[in-house]
N, C-alpha and C. Protein backbone atom coordinates (compact mmCIF):
# COMPACT_ATOMS: atom_id res chain seq x y z
N MET A 1 0.84 -1.18 0.00
CA MET A 1 0.00 0.00 0.00
C MET A 1 0.88 1.25 0.00
N VAL A 2 0.49 2.24 -0.79
CA VAL A 2 1.28 3.46 -0.92
C VAL A 2 0.97 4.40 0.25
N GLN A 3 2.02 4.90 0.88
CA GLN A 3 1.89 5.84 1.99
C GLN A 3 1.74 7.25 1.43
N GLU A 4 0.70 7.96 1.85
CA GLU A 4 0.49 9.33 1.39
C GLU A 4 1.26 10.30 2.27
N HIS A 5 1.65 11.40 1.67
CA HIS A 5 2.35 12.44 2.40
C HIS A 5 1.40 13.03 3.45
N CYS A 6 1.93 13.36 4.62
CA CYS A 6 1.10 13.87 5.72
C CYS A 6 0.37 15.16 5.34
N LEU A 7 0.98 15.99 4.50
CA LEU A 7 0.32 17.23 4.09
C LEU A 7 -0.84 16.96 3.13
N THR A 8 -0.72 15.92 2.34
CA THR A 8 -1.82 15.54 1.45
C THR A 8 -3.01 15.08 2.27
N VAL A 9 -2.74 14.29 3.27
CA VAL A 9 -3.80 13.80 4.16
C VAL A 9 -4.47 14.99 4.86
N ARG A 10 -3.68 15.92 5.35
CA ARG A 10 -4.23 17.10 6.05
C ARG A 10 -5.07 17.96 5.11
N PHE A 11 -4.63 18.13 3.87
CA PHE A 11 -5.39 18.94 2.93
C PHE A 11 -6.72 18.28 2.61
N ARG A 12 -6.73 16.96 2.51
CA ARG A 12 -8.00 16.25 2.28
C ARG A 12 -8.95 16.46 3.45
N GLU A 13 -8.41 16.48 4.65
CA GLU A 13 -9.25 16.75 5.83
C GLU A 13 -9.85 18.15 5.74
N LEU A 14 -9.03 19.11 5.36
CA LEU A 14 -9.52 20.49 5.24
C LEU A 14 -10.62 20.60 4.18
N ASN A 15 -10.48 19.82 3.10
CA ASN A 15 -11.47 19.87 2.01
C ASN A 15 -12.83 19.38 2.46
N ARG A 16 -12.88 18.61 3.52
CA ARG A 16 -14.16 18.11 4.03
C ARG A 16 -14.83 19.11 4.98
N THR A 17 -14.19 20.23 5.22
CA THR A 17 -14.74 21.25 6.12
C THR A 17 -15.93 21.93 5.47
N LEU A 18 -17.06 21.90 6.16
CA LEU A 18 -18.25 22.57 5.65
C LEU A 18 -18.08 24.07 5.77
N ASN A 19 -18.56 24.79 4.78
CA ASN A 19 -18.50 26.26 4.76
C ASN A 19 -17.08 26.78 4.97
N ALA A 20 -16.13 26.15 4.30
CA ALA A 20 -14.72 26.55 4.42
C ALA A 20 -14.53 27.97 3.91
N THR A 21 -13.63 28.69 4.55
CA THR A 21 -13.31 30.06 4.15
C THR A 21 -11.80 30.16 3.96
N TYR A 22 -11.35 31.36 3.68
CA TYR A 22 -9.91 31.59 3.56
C TYR A 22 -9.19 31.20 4.85
N GLN A 23 -9.84 31.44 5.98
CA GLN A 23 -9.24 31.11 7.27
C GLN A 23 -8.99 29.61 7.41
N THR A 24 -9.79 28.80 6.76
CA THR A 24 -9.61 27.35 6.80
C THR A 24 -8.26 26.95 6.20
N TYR A 25 -7.85 27.63 5.15
CA TYR A 25 -6.65 27.27 4.41
C TYR A 25 -5.47 28.22 4.65
N ILE A 26 -5.61 29.16 5.55
CA ILE A 26 -4.62 30.24 5.69
C ILE A 26 -3.21 29.72 6.00
N LYS A 27 -3.11 28.67 6.83
CA LYS A 27 -1.77 28.16 7.18
C LYS A 27 -1.06 27.57 5.96
N ALA A 28 -1.82 26.98 5.06
CA ALA A 28 -1.21 26.41 3.85
C ALA A 28 -0.90 27.50 2.83
N ILE A 29 -1.85 28.42 2.64
CA ILE A 29 -1.67 29.46 1.62
C ILE A 29 -0.55 30.43 1.99
N GLU A 30 -0.48 30.79 3.25
CA GLU A 30 0.52 31.77 3.69
C GLU A 30 1.73 31.13 4.36
N ASN A 31 1.98 29.88 4.05
CA ASN A 31 3.11 29.15 4.63
C ASN A 31 4.43 29.73 4.14
N GLU A 32 5.44 29.69 5.01
CA GLU A 32 6.76 30.19 4.62
C GLU A 32 7.40 29.32 3.54
N ASN A 33 7.07 28.04 3.54
CA ASN A 33 7.59 27.12 2.54
C ASN A 33 6.80 27.33 1.24
N LEU A 34 7.47 27.84 0.23
CA LEU A 34 6.80 28.17 -1.04
C LEU A 34 6.22 26.94 -1.73
N GLU A 35 6.82 25.78 -1.51
CA GLU A 35 6.31 24.55 -2.11
C GLU A 35 4.93 24.22 -1.53
N ILE A 36 4.77 24.42 -0.24
CA ILE A 36 3.47 24.17 0.39
C ILE A 36 2.44 25.17 -0.13
N CYS A 37 2.84 26.44 -0.25
CA CYS A 37 1.94 27.47 -0.81
C CYS A 37 1.48 27.08 -2.21
N ALA A 38 2.42 26.73 -3.05
CA ALA A 38 2.10 26.39 -4.45
C ALA A 38 1.19 25.17 -4.52
N ASN A 39 1.51 24.14 -3.76
CA ASN A 39 0.70 22.92 -3.79
C ASN A 39 -0.71 23.18 -3.26
N SER A 40 -0.82 24.01 -2.24
CA SER A 40 -2.16 24.31 -1.72
C SER A 40 -2.98 25.08 -2.75
N MET A 41 -2.34 26.00 -3.46
CA MET A 41 -3.06 26.74 -4.49
C MET A 41 -3.48 25.84 -5.64
N ILE A 42 -2.62 24.91 -6.01
CA ILE A 42 -2.98 23.95 -7.07
C ILE A 42 -4.17 23.11 -6.63
N CYS A 43 -4.17 22.66 -5.37
CA CYS A 43 -5.30 21.88 -4.86
C CYS A 43 -6.59 22.69 -4.87
N LEU A 44 -6.50 23.95 -4.46
CA LEU A 44 -7.69 24.80 -4.45
C LEU A 44 -8.20 25.06 -5.87
N ILE A 45 -7.30 25.23 -6.82
CA ILE A 45 -7.70 25.42 -8.22
C ILE A 45 -8.42 24.18 -8.73
N LYS A 46 -7.93 23.00 -8.38
CA LYS A 46 -8.58 21.76 -8.80
C LYS A 46 -9.98 21.65 -8.20
N ILE A 47 -10.13 22.06 -6.94
CA ILE A 47 -11.44 22.02 -6.29
C ILE A 47 -12.41 22.96 -6.99
N VAL A 48 -11.97 24.18 -7.26
CA VAL A 48 -12.83 25.17 -7.92
C VAL A 48 -13.20 24.71 -9.32
N THR A 49 -12.25 24.14 -10.05
CA THR A 49 -12.52 23.63 -11.39
C THR A 49 -13.58 22.54 -11.35
N TYR A 50 -13.47 21.63 -10.39
CA TYR A 50 -14.45 20.55 -10.22
C TYR A 50 -15.83 21.13 -9.92
N LEU A 51 -15.90 22.08 -8.98
CA LEU A 51 -17.19 22.66 -8.60
C LEU A 51 -17.82 23.43 -9.76
N LEU A 52 -17.01 24.16 -10.52
CA LEU A 52 -17.55 24.88 -11.68
C LEU A 52 -18.08 23.92 -12.74
N ALA A 53 -17.38 22.82 -12.95
CA ALA A 53 -17.84 21.82 -13.92
C ALA A 53 -19.19 21.24 -13.49
N LYS A 54 -19.33 20.96 -12.19
CA LYS A 54 -20.60 20.44 -11.68
C LYS A 54 -21.72 21.47 -11.85
N GLN A 55 -21.41 22.73 -11.62
CA GLN A 55 -22.42 23.78 -11.78
C GLN A 55 -22.84 23.91 -13.24
N ILE A 56 -21.90 23.85 -14.15
CA ILE A 56 -22.21 23.92 -15.59
C ILE A 56 -23.09 22.75 -15.99
N GLN A 57 -22.77 21.55 -15.50
CA GLN A 57 -23.59 20.37 -15.81
C GLN A 57 -25.03 20.57 -15.33
N GLN A 58 -25.18 21.11 -14.13
CA GLN A 58 -26.52 21.32 -13.58
C GLN A 58 -27.27 22.38 -14.38
N LEU A 59 -26.59 23.45 -14.78
CA LEU A 59 -27.24 24.48 -15.59
C LEU A 59 -27.67 23.94 -16.94
N GLU A 60 -26.85 23.09 -17.55
CA GLU A 60 -27.22 22.47 -18.83
C GLU A 60 -28.45 21.59 -18.65
N LYS A 61 -28.47 20.82 -17.59
CA LYS A 61 -29.60 19.94 -17.31
C LYS A 61 -30.88 20.75 -17.11
N ASP A 62 -30.79 21.82 -16.31
CA ASP A 62 -31.95 22.68 -16.08
C ASP A 62 -32.43 23.33 -17.38
N PHE A 63 -31.50 23.76 -18.22
CA PHE A 63 -31.87 24.38 -19.49
C PHE A 63 -32.62 23.39 -20.38
N LEU A 64 -32.12 22.15 -20.46
CA LEU A 64 -32.76 21.14 -21.31
C LEU A 64 -34.13 20.75 -20.76
N GLU A 65 -34.27 20.71 -19.45
CA GLU A 65 -35.54 20.30 -18.85
C GLU A 65 -36.57 21.42 -18.83
N HIS A 66 -36.14 22.66 -18.60
CA HIS A 66 -37.08 23.75 -18.37
C HIS A 66 -36.96 24.89 -19.38
N GLY A 67 -36.02 24.81 -20.27
CA GLY A 67 -35.85 25.86 -21.27
C GLY A 67 -35.06 27.03 -20.72
N GLY A 68 -34.89 28.02 -21.58
CA GLY A 68 -34.14 29.21 -21.20
C GLY A 68 -35.03 30.24 -20.53
N LEU A 69 -34.49 31.41 -20.33
CA LEU A 69 -35.22 32.48 -19.64
C LEU A 69 -36.50 32.85 -20.36
N ARG A 70 -36.45 33.00 -21.68
CA ARG A 70 -37.65 33.40 -22.44
C ARG A 70 -38.74 32.33 -22.34
N GLU A 71 -38.35 31.07 -22.42
CA GLU A 71 -39.35 29.99 -22.31
C GLU A 71 -39.99 30.02 -20.93
N ARG A 72 -39.22 30.24 -19.91
CA ARG A 72 -39.75 30.28 -18.55
C ARG A 72 -40.66 31.49 -18.34
N MET A 73 -40.29 32.62 -18.93
CA MET A 73 -41.12 33.82 -18.80
C MET A 73 -42.45 33.62 -19.53
N THR A 74 -42.41 33.00 -20.71
CA THR A 74 -43.63 32.74 -21.47
C THR A 74 -44.55 31.81 -20.70
N LYS A 75 -43.99 30.76 -20.11
CA LYS A 75 -44.78 29.82 -19.30
C LYS A 75 -45.41 30.53 -18.10
N ALA A 76 -44.67 31.43 -17.50
CA ALA A 76 -45.17 32.16 -16.34
C ALA A 76 -46.34 33.07 -16.73
N ARG A 77 -46.27 33.68 -17.93
CA ARG A 77 -47.33 34.58 -18.38
C ARG A 77 -48.58 33.81 -18.73
N ILE A 78 -48.43 32.61 -19.24
CA ILE A 78 -49.58 31.79 -19.68
C ILE A 78 -50.20 31.14 -18.51
């Protein structure tokens, strides 16, 4: 079994924090070790990319099921 780096394990724990803010990640982002800073930023970018992709998928699904703004406005008027 492959042993994970302790910082990787800690970052995964932080990612499970509900309603995480900048304060949640401040020790990693503002760390004196530039490698830790860079890796934490890369992890956060990956998280944001994943969440944006999920949001786009949901918006596409809603559009296909319910139509666009004009279709919804027309339905509301009728």
